Amino acid sequence: METYYTKTHEWVRFPTPDTAVVGVTAYWIQKQKDPSCINLCDEGDYLNAGDVAGDIEFLKGVFDIHAPVSGEVSCVHDDLFLSPQTLKTEPFTWLFQLTEIERPRKLLTQAQYEAYLHEREERNG
C-alpha cells in the first residue's frame, strides 16, 4: 500500500478507495523529540483537508495535526492517549481513520516528500 505525505508532515494510506488512515511522519517526531501528550478529533467528526485534527505536545511546544484528506472520522487510536511515546518508538503508528474521503491533489509521494525535506534542510542550514 502506497503512502502519501503532506508538507505539514502527516502521512496517509488508502486501504480502500473510500478509507484513509492518517499518521505523522517519523522525521517530524524525531525533530520534536519526546511526545508527552496527544489530543485527537472525535469519531463522527467531519474534517476537511487541512483542518486541525488534533495536536501533539512536546517539550518544544504544542504542534497541530492536519487532516490530509476530507472525510468523516471513523476511528481514533485511543491507546495513544495513554502512551504518546508510541509515536516515537513505532514509525507509521496511525492516529485516526477517515471514511467517505475526498482526496486532494496536493499529496506528495515518498520521493517528493524526501526532496521537500532535503530542500528545507538546505534552506535552514
PDB file of N, CA and C in Angstrom:
ATOM      1  N   MET A   1       0.847  -1.170   0.000  1.00  0.00           N
ATOM      2  CA  MET A   1       0.000   0.000   0.000  1.00  0.00           C
ATOM      3  C   MET A   1       0.899   1.241   0.000  1.00  0.00           C
ATOM      4  N   GLU A   2       0.686   2.124  -0.950  1.00  0.00           N
ATOM      5  CA  GLU A   2       1.495   3.321  -1.078  1.00  0.00           C
ATOM      6  C   GLU A   2       1.136   4.334   0.010  1.00  0.00           C
ATOM      7  N   THR A   3       2.145   5.036   0.462  1.00  0.00           N
ATOM      8  CA  THR A   3       1.973   6.078   1.470  1.00  0.00           C
ATOM      9  C   THR A   3       2.191   7.429   0.805  1.00  0.00           C
ATOM     10  N   TYR A   4       1.330   8.382   1.137  1.00  0.00           N
ATOM     11  CA  TYR A   4       1.439   9.752   0.633  1.00  0.00           C
ATOM     12  C   TYR A   4       1.700  10.675   1.818  1.00  0.00           C
ATOM     13  N   TYR A   5       2.217  11.877   1.520  1.00  0.00           N
ATOM     14  CA  TYR A   5       2.661  12.792   2.563  1.00  0.00           C
ATOM     15  C   TYR A   5       2.147  14.211   2.310  1.00  0.00           C
ATOM     16  N   THR A   6       2.204  15.025   3.377  1.00  0.00           N
ATOM     17  CA  THR A   6       1.895  16.441   3.263  1.00  0.00           C
ATOM     18  C   THR A   6       3.117  17.243   3.699  1.00  0.00           C
ATOM     19  N   LYS A   7       3.137  18.510   3.352  1.00  0.00           N
ATOM     20  CA  LYS A   7       4.245  19.372   3.770  1.00  0.00           C
ATOM     21  C   LYS A   7       4.158  19.728   5.247  1.00  0.00           C
ATOM     22  N   THR A   8       3.049  19.385   5.901  1.00  0.00           N
ATOM     23  CA  THR A   8       2.931  19.592   7.348  1.00  0.00           C
ATOM     24  C   THR A   8       3.237  18.294   8.101  1.00  0.00           C
ATOM     25  N   HIS A   9       3.830  17.313   7.410  1.00  0.00           N
ATOM     26  CA  HIS A   9       4.395  16.091   7.989  1.00  0.00           C
ATOM     27  C   HIS A   9       3.384  15.038   8.440  1.00  0.00           C
ATOM     28  N   GLU A  10       2.219  15.018   7.817  1.00  0.00           N
ATOM     29  CA  GLU A  10       1.294  13.911   8.026  1.00  0.00           C
ATOM     30  C   GLU A  10       1.506  12.906   6.896  1.00  0.00           C
ATOM     31  N   TRP A  11       1.230  11.644   7.176  1.00  0.00           N
ATOM     32  CA  TRP A  11       1.205  10.635   6.113  1.00  0.00           C
ATOM     33  C   TRP A  11      -0.211  10.080   6.032  1.00  0.00           C
ATOM     34  N   VAL A  12      -0.542   9.515   4.879  1.00  0.00           N
ATOM     35  CA  VAL A  12      -1.868   8.937   4.681  1.00  0.00           C
ATOM     36  C   VAL A  12      -1.745   7.725   3.763  1.00  0.00           C
ATOM     37  N   ARG A  13      -2.488   6.707   4.100  1.00  0.00           N
ATOM     38  CA  ARG A  13      -2.591   5.495   3.280  1.00  0.00           C
ATOM     39  C   ARG A  13      -4.066   5.245   2.990  1.00  0.00           C
ATOM     40  N   PHE A  14      -4.316   4.588   1.866  1.00  0.00           N
ATOM     41  CA  PHE A  14      -5.682   4.328   1.433  1.00  0.00           C
ATOM     42  C   PHE A  14      -5.906   2.814   1.308  1.00  0.00           C
ATOM     43  N   PRO A  15      -6.334   2.157   2.408  1.00  0.00           N
ATOM     44  CA  PRO A  15      -6.549   0.701   2.344  1.00  0.00           C
ATOM     45  C   PRO A  15      -7.711   0.316   1.425  1.00  0.00           C
ATOM     46  N   THR A  16      -8.673   1.213   1.265  1.00  0.00           N
ATOM     47  CA  THR A  16      -9.756   1.033   0.303  1.00  0.00           C
ATOM     48  C   THR A  16      -9.962   2.383  -0.384  1.00  0.00           C
ATOM     49  N   PRO A  17     -10.660   2.417  -1.514  1.00  0.00           N
ATOM     50  CA  PRO A  17     -10.849   3.691  -2.223  1.00  0.00           C
ATOM     51  C   PRO A  17     -11.558   4.777  -1.407  1.00  0.00           C
ATOM     52  N   ASP A  18     -12.360   4.400  -0.419  1.00  0.00           N
ATOM     53  CA  ASP A  18     -13.083   5.429   0.346  1.00  0.00           C
ATOM     54  C   ASP A  18     -12.649   5.508   1.808  1.00  0.00           C
ATOM     55  N   THR A  19     -11.466   4.965   2.124  1.00  0.00           N
ATOM     56  CA  THR A  19     -10.954   4.975   3.501  1.00  0.00           C
ATOM     57  C   THR A  19      -9.515   5.486   3.524  1.00  0.00           C
ATOM     58  N   ALA A  20      -9.193   6.310   4.517  1.00  0.00           N
ATOM     59  CA  ALA A  20      -7.837   6.824   4.706  1.00  0.00           C
ATOM     60  C   ALA A  20      -7.391   6.569   6.139  1.00  0.00           C
ATOM     61  N   VAL A  21      -6.133   6.180   6.292  1.00  0.00           N
ATOM     62  CA  VAL A  21      -5.500   6.004   7.594  1.00  0.00           C
ATOM     63  C   VAL A  21      -4.419   7.074   7.681  1.00  0.00           C
ATOM     64  N   VAL A  22      -4.402   7.834   8.790  1.00  0.00           N
ATOM     65  CA  VAL A  22      -3.553   9.021   8.906  1.00  0.00           C
ATOM     66  C   VAL A  22      -2.617   8.909  10.104  1.00  0.00           C
ATOM     67  N   GLY A  23      -1.388   9.383   9.915  1.00  0.00           N
ATOM     68  CA  GLY A  23      -0.413   9.464  10.998  1.00  0.00           C
ATOM     69  C   GLY A  23       0.516  10.638  10.765  1.00  0.00           C
ATOM     70  N   VAL A  24       1.538  10.758  11.604  1.00  0.00           N
ATOM     71  CA  VAL A  24       2.556  11.795  11.427  1.00  0.00           C
ATOM     72  C   VAL A  24       3.884  11.108  11.137  1.00  0.00           C
ATOM     73  N   THR A  25       4.730  11.792  10.393  1.00  0.00           N
ATOM     74  CA  THR A  25       5.962  11.164   9.930  1.00  0.00           C
ATOM     75  C   THR A  25       6.987  10.984  11.051  1.00  0.00           C
ATOM     76  N   ALA A  26       7.790   9.936  10.911  1.00  0.00           N
ATOM     77  CA  ALA A  26       8.871   9.672  11.863  1.00  0.00           C
ATOM     78  C   ALA A  26       9.876  10.825  11.852  1.00  0.00           C
ATOM     79  N   TYR A  27      10.123  11.397  10.687  1.00  0.00           N
ATOM     80  CA  TYR A  27      11.028  12.539  10.570  1.00  0.00           C
ATOM     81  C   TYR A  27      10.586  13.664  11.507  1.00  0.00           C
ATOM     82  N   TRP A  28       9.308  13.988  11.455  1.00  0.00           N
ATOM     83  CA  TRP A  28       8.775  15.088  12.255  1.00  0.00           C
ATOM     84  C   TRP A  28       8.843  14.766  13.753  1.00  0.00           C
ATOM     85  N   ILE A  29       8.468  13.536  14.104  1.00  0.00           N
ATOM     86  CA  ILE A  29       8.516  13.130  15.518  1.00  0.00           C
ATOM     87  C   ILE A  29       9.942  13.213  16.042  1.00  0.00           C
ATOM     88  N   GLN A  30      10.926  12.742  15.272  1.00  0.00           N
ATOM     89  CA  GLN A  30      12.326  12.782  15.708  1.00  0.00           C
ATOM     90  C   GLN A  30      12.821  14.218  15.886  1.00  0.00           C
ATOM     91  N   LYS A  31      12.357  15.123  15.039  1.00  0.00           N
ATOM     92  CA  LYS A  31      12.752  16.535  15.154  1.00  0.00           C
ATOM     93  C   LYS A  31      12.215  17.175  16.437  1.00  0.00           C
ATOM     94  N   GLN A  32      11.024  16.761  16.857  1.00  0.00           N
ATOM     95  CA  GLN A  32      10.383  17.375  18.010  1.00  0.00           C
ATOM     96  C   GLN A  32      10.818  16.743  19.336  1.00  0.00           C
ATOM     97  N   LYS A  33      11.364  15.564  19.269  1.00  0.00           N
ATOM     98  CA  LYS A  33      11.815  14.782  20.431  1.00  0.00           C
ATOM     99  C   LYS A  33      10.658  13.999  21.054  1.00  0.00           C
ATOM    100  N   ASP A  34      10.507  14.048  22.359  1.00  0.00           N
ATOM    101  CA  ASP A  34       9.597  13.157  23.071  1.00  0.00           C
ATOM    102  C   ASP A  34       8.178  13.714  23.187  1.00  0.00           C
ATOM    103  N   PRO A  35       7.211  13.027  22.559  1.00  0.00           N
ATOM    104  CA  PRO A  35       5.816  13.465  22.716  1.00  0.00           C
ATOM    105  C   PRO A  35       5.316  13.148  24.123  1.00  0.00           C
ATOM    106  N   SER A  36       4.656  14.116  24.758  1.00  0.00           N
ATOM    107  CA  SER A  36       4.187  13.896  26.126  1.00  0.00           C
ATOM    108  C   SER A  36       2.667  13.801  26.223  1.00  0.00           C
ATOM    109  N   CYS A  37       1.968  14.337  25.229  1.00  0.00           N
ATOM    110  CA  CYS A  37       0.505  14.338  25.278  1.00  0.00           C
ATOM    111  C   CYS A  37      -0.026  14.447  23.859  1.00  0.00           C
ATOM    112  N   ILE A  38      -1.168  13.807  23.613  1.00  0.00           N
ATOM    113  CA  ILE A  38      -1.796  13.887  22.304  1.00  0.00           C
ATOM    114  C   ILE A  38      -3.286  14.124  22.465  1.00  0.00           C
ATOM    115  N   ASN A  39      -3.817  14.968  21.616  1.00  0.00           N
ATOM    116  CA  ASN A  39      -5.255  15.228  21.557  1.00  0.00           C
ATOM    117  C   ASN A  39      -5.690  14.986  20.123  1.00  0.00           C
ATOM    118  N   LEU A  40      -6.775  14.251  19.955  1.00  0.00           N
ATOM    119  CA  LEU A  40      -7.248  13.938  18.611  1.00  0.00           C
ATOM    120  C   LEU A  40      -8.722  14.267  18.459  1.00  0.00           C
ATOM    121  N   CYS A  41      -9.138  14.362  17.209  1.00  0.00           N
ATOM    122  CA  CYS A  41     -10.536  14.585  16.871  1.00  0.00           C
ATOM    123  C   CYS A  41     -11.393  13.442  17.435  1.00  0.00           C
ATOM    124  N   ASP A  42     -12.699  13.601  17.350  1.00  0.00           N
ATOM    125  CA  ASP A  42     -13.629  12.587  17.847  1.00  0.00           C
ATOM    126  C   ASP A  42     -14.229  11.797  16.696  1.00  0.00           C
ATOM    127  N   GLU A  43     -14.548  10.545  16.973  1.00  0.00           N
ATOM    128  CA  GLU A  43     -15.261   9.740  15.990  1.00  0.00           C
ATOM    129  C   GLU A  43     -16.556  10.454  15.637  1.00  0.00           C
ATOM    130  N   GLY A  44     -16.880  10.471  14.354  1.00  0.00           N
ATOM    131  CA  GLY A  44     -18.078  11.149  13.885  1.00  0.00           C
ATOM    132  C   GLY A  44     -17.826  12.563  13.399  1.00  0.00           C
ATOM    133  N   ASP A  45     -16.679  13.158  13.768  1.00  0.00           N
ATOM    134  CA  ASP A  45     -16.343  14.494  13.269  1.00  0.00           C
ATOM    135  C   ASP A  45     -16.137  14.431  11.759  1.00  0.00           C
ATOM    136  N   TYR A  46     -16.461  15.519  11.068  1.00  0.00           N
ATOM    137  CA  TYR A  46     -16.133  15.627   9.647  1.00  0.00           C
ATOM    138  C   TYR A  46     -14.986  16.617   9.523  1.00  0.00           C
ATOM    139  N   LEU A  47     -13.914  16.207   8.827  1.00  0.00           N
ATOM    140  CA  LEU A  47     -12.751  17.062   8.640  1.00  0.00           C
ATOM    141  C   LEU A  47     -12.568  17.364   7.162  1.00  0.00           C
ATOM    142  N   ASN A  48     -12.288  18.603   6.863  1.00  0.00           N
ATOM    143  CA  ASN A  48     -11.887  18.986   5.514  1.00  0.00           C
ATOM    144  C   ASN A  48     -10.374  18.910   5.437  1.00  0.00           C
ATOM    145  N   ALA A  49      -9.843  18.629   4.274  1.00  0.00           N
ATOM    146  CA  ALA A  49      -8.394  18.596   4.093  1.00  0.00           C
ATOM    147  C   ALA A  49      -7.797  19.907   4.596  1.00  0.00           C
ATOM    148  N   GLY A  50      -6.795  19.804   5.451  1.00  0.00           N
ATOM    149  CA  GLY A  50      -6.154  20.984   6.026  1.00  0.00           C
ATOM    150  C   GLY A  50      -6.670  21.367   7.399  1.00  0.00           C
ATOM    151  N   ASP A  51      -7.840  20.851   7.782  1.00  0.00           N
ATOM    152  CA  ASP A  51      -8.384  21.148   9.117  1.00  0.00           C
ATOM    153  C   ASP A  51      -7.465  20.589  10.201  1.00  0.00           C
ATOM    154  N   VAL A  52      -7.443  21.248  11.347  1.00  0.00           N
ATOM    155  CA  VAL A  52      -6.721  20.729  12.503  1.00  0.00           C
ATOM    156  C   VAL A  52      -7.506  19.543  13.051  1.00  0.00           C
ATOM    157  N   ALA A  53      -6.817  18.409  13.149  1.00  0.00           N
ATOM    158  CA  ALA A  53      -7.451  17.167  13.603  1.00  0.00           C
ATOM    159  C   ALA A  53      -7.019  16.802  15.014  1.00  0.00           C
ATOM    160  N   GLY A  54      -6.167  17.610  15.600  1.00  0.00           N
ATOM    161  CA  GLY A  54      -5.671  17.359  16.948  1.00  0.00           C
ATOM    162  C   GLY A  54      -4.340  18.060  17.122  1.00  0.00           C
ATOM    163  N   ASP A  55      -3.639  17.699  18.203  1.00  0.00           N
ATOM    164  CA  ASP A  55      -2.309  18.246  18.430  1.00  0.00           C
ATOM    165  C   ASP A  55      -1.486  17.275  19.260  1.00  0.00           C
ATOM    166  N   ILE A  56      -0.179  17.503  19.189  1.00  0.00           N
ATOM    167  CA  ILE A  56       0.766  16.714  19.980  1.00  0.00           C
ATOM    168  C   ILE A  56       1.616  17.688  20.771  1.00  0.00           C
ATOM    169  N   GLU A  57       1.753  17.408  22.062  1.00  0.00           N
ATOM    170  CA  GLU A  57       2.566  18.260  22.930  1.00  0.00           C
ATOM    171  C   GLU A  57       3.944  17.638  23.095  1.00  0.00           C
ATOM    172  N   PHE A  58       4.967  18.470  22.913  1.00  0.00           N
ATOM    173  CA  PHE A  58       6.364  18.091  23.085  1.00  0.00           C
ATOM    174  C   PHE A  58       6.994  19.075  24.055  1.00  0.00           C
ATOM    175  N   LEU A  59       8.230  18.830  24.453  1.00  0.00           N
ATOM    176  CA  LEU A  59       8.937  19.791  25.299  1.00  0.00           C
ATOM    177  C   LEU A  59       9.065  21.135  24.597  1.00  0.00           C
ATOM    178  N   LYS A  60       9.185  21.116  23.247  1.00  0.00           N
ATOM    179  CA  LYS A  60       9.342  22.341  22.472  1.00  0.00           C
ATOM    180  C   LYS A  60       8.049  23.122  22.309  1.00  0.00           C
ATOM    181  N   GLY A  61       6.915  22.497  22.583  1.00  0.00           N
ATOM    182  CA  GLY A  61       5.637  23.178  22.404  1.00  0.00           C
ATOM    183  C   GLY A  61       4.562  22.233  21.898  1.00  0.00           C
ATOM    184  N   VAL A  62       3.434  22.815  21.535  1.00  0.00           N
ATOM    185  CA  VAL A  62       2.290  22.047  21.034  1.00  0.00           C
ATOM    186  C   VAL A  62       2.182  22.297  19.538  1.00  0.00           C
ATOM    187  N   PHE A  63       2.055  21.221  18.777  1.00  0.00           N
ATOM    188  CA  PHE A  63       2.004  21.314  17.324  1.00  0.00           C
ATOM    189  C   PHE A  63       0.738  20.648  16.805  1.00  0.00           C
ATOM    190  N   ASP A  64       0.097  21.308  15.845  1.00  0.00           N
ATOM    191  CA  ASP A  64      -1.156  20.810  15.277  1.00  0.00           C
ATOM    192  C   ASP A  64      -0.932  19.647  14.315  1.00  0.00           C
ATOM    193  N   ILE A  65      -1.926  18.786  14.253  1.00  0.00           N
ATOM    194  CA  ILE A  65      -2.002  17.707  13.276  1.00  0.00           C
ATOM    195  C   ILE A  65      -3.117  18.103  12.313  1.00  0.00           C
ATOM    196  N   HIS A  66      -2.858  18.011  11.002  1.00  0.00           N
ATOM    197  CA  HIS A  66      -3.836  18.410   9.996  1.00  0.00           C
ATOM    198  C   HIS A  66      -4.361  17.196   9.231  1.00  0.00           C
ATOM    199  N   ALA A  67      -5.610  17.262   8.842  1.00  0.00           N
ATOM    200  CA  ALA A  67      -6.201  16.208   8.022  1.00  0.00           C
ATOM    201  C   ALA A  67      -5.659  16.340   6.599  1.00  0.00           C
ATOM    202  N   PRO A  68      -5.042  15.287   6.058  1.00  0.00           N
ATOM    203  CA  PRO A  68      -4.519  15.380   4.693  1.00  0.00           C
ATOM    204  C   PRO A  68      -5.592  15.217   3.618  1.00  0.00           C
ATOM    205  N   VAL A  69      -6.722  14.661   3.998  1.00  0.00           N
ATOM    206  CA  VAL A  69      -7.858  14.481   3.091  1.00  0.00           C
ATOM    207  C   VAL A  69      -9.134  14.827   3.842  1.00  0.00           C
ATOM    208  N   SER A  70     -10.207  15.040   3.118  1.00  0.00           N
ATOM    209  CA  SER A  70     -11.511  15.300   3.740  1.00  0.00           C
ATOM    210  C   SER A  70     -12.232  13.987   3.979  1.00  0.00           C
ATOM    211  N   GLY A  71     -12.996  13.921   5.067  1.00  0.00           N
ATOM    212  CA  GLY A  71     -13.788  12.734   5.346  1.00  0.00           C
ATOM    213  C   GLY A  71     -14.290  12.719   6.775  1.00  0.00           C
ATOM    214  N   GLU A  72     -15.065  11.682   7.084  1.00  0.00           N
ATOM    215  CA  GLU A  72     -15.620  11.516   8.424  1.00  0.00           C
ATOM    216  C   GLU A  72     -14.707  10.626   9.255  1.00  0.00           C
ATOM    217  N   VAL A  73     -14.438  11.040  10.486  1.00  0.00           N
ATOM    218  CA  VAL A  73     -13.581  10.269  11.387  1.00  0.00           C
ATOM    219  C   VAL A  73     -14.352   9.016  11.809  1.00  0.00           C
ATOM    220  N   SER A  74     -13.811   7.863  11.430  1.00  0.00           N
ATOM    221  CA  SER A  74     -14.481   6.598  11.739  1.00  0.00           C
ATOM    222  C   SER A  74     -13.837   5.883  12.911  1.00  0.00           C
ATOM    223  N   CYS A  75     -12.577   6.217  13.201  1.00  0.00           N
ATOM    224  CA  CYS A  75     -11.863   5.528  14.284  1.00  0.00           C
ATOM    225  C   CYS A  75     -10.704   6.405  14.740  1.00  0.00           C
ATOM    226  N   VAL A  76     -10.457   6.422  16.048  1.00  0.00           N
ATOM    227  CA  VAL A  76      -9.343   7.166  16.643  1.00  0.00           C
ATOM    228  C   VAL A  76      -8.502   6.169  17.433  1.00  0.00           C
ATOM    229  N   HIS A  77      -7.189   6.302  17.335  1.00  0.00           N
ATOM    230  CA  HIS A  77      -6.260   5.404  18.037  1.00  0.00           C
ATOM    231  C   HIS A  77      -6.167   5.809  19.512  1.00  0.00           C
ATOM    232  N   ASP A  78      -7.142   5.363  20.287  1.00  0.00           N
ATOM    233  CA  ASP A  78      -7.268   5.758  21.693  1.00  0.00           C
ATOM    234  C   ASP A  78      -6.070   5.382  22.561  1.00  0.00           C
ATOM    235  N   ASP A  79      -5.352   4.308  22.224  1.00  0.00           N
ATOM    236  CA  ASP A  79      -4.203   3.880  23.036  1.00  0.00           C
ATOM    237  C   ASP A  79      -3.125   4.957  23.120  1.00  0.00           C
ATOM    238  N   LEU A  80      -3.081   5.836  22.131  1.00  0.00           N
ATOM    239  CA  LEU A  80      -2.058   6.885  22.123  1.00  0.00           C
ATOM    240  C   LEU A  80      -2.262   7.913  23.224  1.00  0.00           C
ATOM    241  N   PHE A  81      -3.484   8.042  23.723  1.00  0.00           N
ATOM    242  CA  PHE A  81      -3.735   8.993  24.808  1.00  0.00           C
ATOM    243  C   PHE A  81      -2.942   8.611  26.057  1.00  0.00           C
ATOM    244  N   LEU A  82      -2.786   7.305  26.289  1.00  0.00           N
ATOM    245  CA  LEU A  82      -2.044   6.822  27.460  1.00  0.00           C
ATOM    246  C   LEU A  82      -0.561   6.639  27.172  1.00  0.00           C
ATOM    247  N   SER A  83      -0.199   6.449  25.917  1.00  0.00           N
ATOM    248  CA  SER A  83       1.210   6.223  25.587  1.00  0.00           C
ATOM    249  C   SER A  83       1.612   6.940  24.295  1.00  0.00           C
ATOM    250  N   PRO A  84       1.692   8.278  24.338  1.00  0.00           N
ATOM    251  CA  PRO A  84       2.084   9.027  23.144  1.00  0.00           C
ATOM    252  C   PRO A  84       3.501   8.698  22.674  1.00  0.00           C
ATOM    253  N   GLN A  85       4.337   8.123  23.540  1.00  0.00           N
ATOM    254  CA  GLN A  85       5.696   7.732  23.176  1.00  0.00           C
ATOM    255  C   GLN A  85       5.708   6.694  22.049  1.00  0.00           C
ATOM    256  N   THR A  86       4.587   6.003  21.870  1.00  0.00           N
ATOM    257  CA  THR A  86       4.479   5.026  20.792  1.00  0.00           C
ATOM    258  C   THR A  86       4.797   5.667  19.449  1.00  0.00           C
ATOM    259  N   LEU A  87       4.456   6.933  19.283  1.00  0.00           N
ATOM    260  CA  LEU A  87       4.742   7.639  18.029  1.00  0.00           C
ATOM    261  C   LEU A  87       6.232   7.673  17.727  1.00  0.00           C
ATOM    262  N   LYS A  88       7.050   7.714  18.763  1.00  0.00           N
ATOM    263  CA  LYS A  88       8.499   7.763  18.581  1.00  0.00           C
ATOM    264  C   LYS A  88       9.081   6.369  18.376  1.00  0.00           C
ATOM    265  N   THR A  89       8.540   5.381  19.060  1.00  0.00           N
ATOM    266  CA  THR A  89       9.126   4.043  19.016  1.00  0.00           C
ATOM    267  C   THR A  89       8.584   3.173  17.889  1.00  0.00           C
ATOM    268  N   GLU A  90       7.432   3.518  17.353  1.00  0.00           N
ATOM    269  CA  GLU A  90       6.824   2.719  16.290  1.00  0.00           C
ATOM    270  C   GLU A  90       6.436   3.609  15.113  1.00  0.00           C
ATOM    271  N   PRO A  91       7.363   3.775  14.143  1.00  0.00           N
ATOM    272  CA  PRO A  91       7.041   4.586  12.968  1.00  0.00           C
ATOM    273  C   PRO A  91       5.784   4.065  12.267  1.00  0.00           C
ATOM    274  N   PHE A  92       5.071   4.941  11.657  1.00  0.00           N
ATOM    275  CA  PHE A  92       3.817   4.647  10.958  1.00  0.00           C
ATOM    276  C   PHE A  92       2.710   4.187  11.899  1.00  0.00           C
ATOM    277  N   THR A  93       2.764   4.670  13.147  1.00  0.00           N
ATOM    278  CA  THR A  93       1.630   4.475  14.054  1.00  0.00           C
ATOM    279  C   THR A  93       0.512   5.384  13.563  1.00  0.00           C
ATOM    280  N   TRP A  94      -0.658   4.834  13.360  1.00  0.00           N
ATOM    281  CA  TRP A  94      -1.777   5.633  12.855  1.00  0.00           C
ATOM    282  C   TRP A  94      -2.419   6.418  13.990  1.00  0.00           C
ATOM    283  N   LEU A  95      -3.029   7.547  13.648  1.00  0.00           N
ATOM    284  CA  LEU A  95      -3.702   8.409  14.620  1.00  0.00           C
ATOM    285  C   LEU A  95      -5.221   8.284  14.517  1.00  0.00           C
ATOM    286  N   PHE A  96      -5.728   8.365  13.284  1.00  0.00           N
ATOM    287  CA  PHE A  96      -7.172   8.268  13.072  1.00  0.00           C
ATOM    288  C   PHE A  96      -7.444   7.774  11.661  1.00  0.00           C
ATOM    289  N   GLN A  97      -8.666   7.316  11.467  1.00  0.00           N
ATOM    290  CA  GLN A  97      -9.103   6.846  10.155  1.00  0.00           C
ATOM    291  C   GLN A  97     -10.295   7.670   9.696  1.00  0.00           C
ATOM    292  N   LEU A  98     -10.367   7.884   8.393  1.00  0.00           N
ATOM    293  CA  LEU A  98     -11.462   8.636   7.784  1.00  0.00           C
ATOM    294  C   LEU A  98     -12.172   7.753   6.763  1.00  0.00           C
ATOM    295  N   THR A  99     -13.480   7.929   6.644  1.00  0.00           N
ATOM    296  CA  THR A  99     -14.245   7.252   5.604  1.00  0.00           C
ATOM    297  C   THR A  99     -14.931   8.304   4.747  1.00  0.00           C
ATOM    298  N   GLU A 100     -15.498   7.830   3.655  1.00  0.00           N
ATOM    299  CA  GLU A 100     -16.170   8.727   2.709  1.00  0.00           C
ATOM    300  C   GLU A 100     -15.255   9.888   2.339  1.00  0.00           C
ATOM    301  N   ILE A 101     -14.028   9.544   1.978  1.00  0.00           N
ATOM    302  CA  ILE A 101     -12.989  10.553   1.778  1.00  0.00           C
ATOM    303  C   ILE A 101     -13.054  11.217   0.409  1.00  0.00           C
ATOM    304  N   GLU A 102     -12.460  12.386   0.385  1.00  0.00           N
ATOM    305  CA  GLU A 102     -12.221  13.124  -0.854  1.00  0.00           C
ATOM    306  C   GLU A 102     -10.723  13.409  -0.883  1.00  0.00           C
ATOM    307  N   ARG A 103     -10.037  12.900  -1.901  1.00  0.00           N
ATOM    308  CA  ARG A 103      -8.595  13.091  -1.998  1.00  0.00           C
ATOM    309  C   ARG A 103      -8.253  14.434  -2.647  1.00  0.00           C
ATOM    310  N   PRO A 104      -7.389  15.211  -1.989  1.00  0.00           N
ATOM    311  CA  PRO A 104      -6.920  16.439  -2.630  1.00  0.00           C
ATOM    312  C   PRO A 104      -5.796  16.106  -3.612  1.00  0.00           C
ATOM    313  N   ARG A 105      -5.424  17.047  -4.413  1.00  0.00           N
ATOM    314  CA  ARG A 105      -4.355  16.818  -5.393  1.00  0.00           C
ATOM    315  C   ARG A 105      -2.986  17.211  -4.853  1.00  0.00           C
ATOM    316  N   LYS A 106      -2.910  17.664  -3.627  1.00  0.00           N
ATOM    317  CA  LYS A 106      -1.659  18.187  -3.081  1.00  0.00           C
ATOM    318  C   LYS A 106      -0.809  17.148  -2.356  1.00  0.00           C
ATOM    319  N   LEU A 107      -1.203  15.897  -2.308  1.00  0.00           N
ATOM    320  CA  LEU A 107      -0.432  14.886  -1.590  1.00  0.00           C
ATOM    321  C   LEU A 107       0.878  14.601  -2.317  1.00  0.00           C
ATOM    322  N   LEU A 108       1.914  14.313  -1.536  1.00  0.00           N
ATOM    323  CA  LEU A 108       3.239  14.050  -2.077  1.00  0.00           C
ATOM    324  C   LEU A 108       3.543  12.559  -2.039  1.00  0.00           C
ATOM    325  N   THR A 109       4.299  12.078  -3.014  1.00  0.00           N
ATOM    326  CA  THR A 109       4.809  10.711  -2.964  1.00  0.00           C
ATOM    327  C   THR A 109       5.984  10.701  -1.987  1.00  0.00           C
ATOM    328  N   GLN A 110       6.493   9.532  -1.671  1.00  0.00           N
ATOM    329  CA  GLN A 110       7.635   9.457  -0.763  1.00  0.00           C
ATOM    330  C   GLN A 110       8.833  10.208  -1.343  1.00  0.00           C
ATOM    331  N   ALA A 111       9.105  10.047  -2.633  1.00  0.00           N
ATOM    332  CA  ALA A 111      10.236  10.740  -3.263  1.00  0.00           C
ATOM    333  C   ALA A 111      10.050  12.261  -3.210  1.00  0.00           C
ATOM    334  N   GLN A 112       8.837  12.730  -3.459  1.00  0.00           N
ATOM    335  CA  GLN A 112       8.572  14.171  -3.391  1.00  0.00           C
ATOM    336  C   GLN A 112       8.721  14.698  -1.966  1.00  0.00           C
ATOM    337  N   TYR A 113       8.264  13.918  -0.985  1.00  0.00           N
ATOM    338  CA  TYR A 113       8.388  14.334   0.417  1.00  0.00           C
ATOM    339  C   TYR A 113       9.860  14.405   0.819  1.00  0.00           C
ATOM    340  N   GLU A 114      10.639  13.397   0.432  1.00  0.00           N
ATOM    341  CA  GLU A 114      12.069  13.398   0.763  1.00  0.00           C
ATOM    342  C   GLU A 114      12.789  14.569   0.100  1.00  0.00           C
ATOM    343  N   ALA A 115      12.427  14.889  -1.147  1.00  0.00           N
ATOM    344  CA  ALA A 115      13.016  16.046  -1.831  1.00  0.00           C
ATOM    345  C   ALA A 115      12.640  17.338  -1.100  1.00  0.00           C
ATOM    346  N   TYR A 116      11.397  17.437  -0.646  1.00  0.00           N
ATOM    347  CA  TYR A 116      10.948  18.603   0.122  1.00  0.00           C
ATOM    348  C   TYR A 116      11.773  18.738   1.411  1.00  0.00           C
ATOM    349  N   LEU A 117      11.972  17.630   2.130  1.00  0.00           N
ATOM    350  CA  LEU A 117      12.757  17.674   3.365  1.00  0.00           C
ATOM    351  C   LEU A 117      14.192  18.100   3.086  1.00  0.00           C
ATOM    352  N   HIS A 118      14.775  17.557   2.030  1.00  0.00           N
ATOM    353  CA  HIS A 118      16.153  17.896   1.663  1.00  0.00           C
ATOM    354  C   HIS A 118      16.276  19.392   1.354  1.00  0.00           C
ATOM    355  N   GLU A 119      15.336  19.893   0.569  1.00  0.00           N
ATOM    356  CA  GLU A 119      15.328  21.317   0.219  1.00  0.00           C
ATOM    357  C   GLU A 119      15.172  22.183   1.470  1.00  0.00           C
ATOM    358  N   ARG A 120      14.309  21.765   2.352  1.00  0.00           N
ATOM    359  CA  ARG A 120      14.061  22.512   3.586  1.00  0.00           C
ATOM    360  C   ARG A 120      15.294  22.523   4.485  1.00  0.00           C
ATOM    361  N   GLU A 121      15.973  21.375   4.604  1.00  0.00           N
ATOM    362  CA  GLU A 121      17.197  21.282   5.408  1.00  0.00           C
ATOM    363  C   GLU A 121      18.279  22.193   4.849  1.00  0.00           C
ATOM    364  N   GLU A 122      18.404  22.218   3.513  1.00  0.00           N
ATOM    365  CA  GLU A 122      19.409  23.081   2.883  1.00  0.00           C
ATOM    366  C   GLU A 122      19.120  24.555   3.151  1.00  0.00           C
ATOM    367  N   ARG A 123      17.846  24.946   3.082  1.00  0.00           N
ATOM    368  CA  ARG A 123      17.470  26.339   3.331  1.00  0.00           C
ATOM    369  C   ARG A 123      17.732  26.746   4.767  1.00  0.00           C
ATOM    370  N   ASN A 124      17.471  25.813   5.704  1.00  0.00           N
ATOM    371  CA  ASN A 124      17.613  26.129   7.130  1.00  0.00           C
ATOM    372  C   ASN A 124      19.030  25.920   7.637  1.00  0.00           C
ATOM    373  N   GLY A 125      19.876  25.353   6.797  1.00  0.00           N
ATOM    374  CA  GLY A 125      21.296  25.177   7.143  1.00  0.00           C
ATOM    375  C   GLY A 125      21.474  24.128   8.100  1.00  0.00           C
TER     376      GLY A 125
END
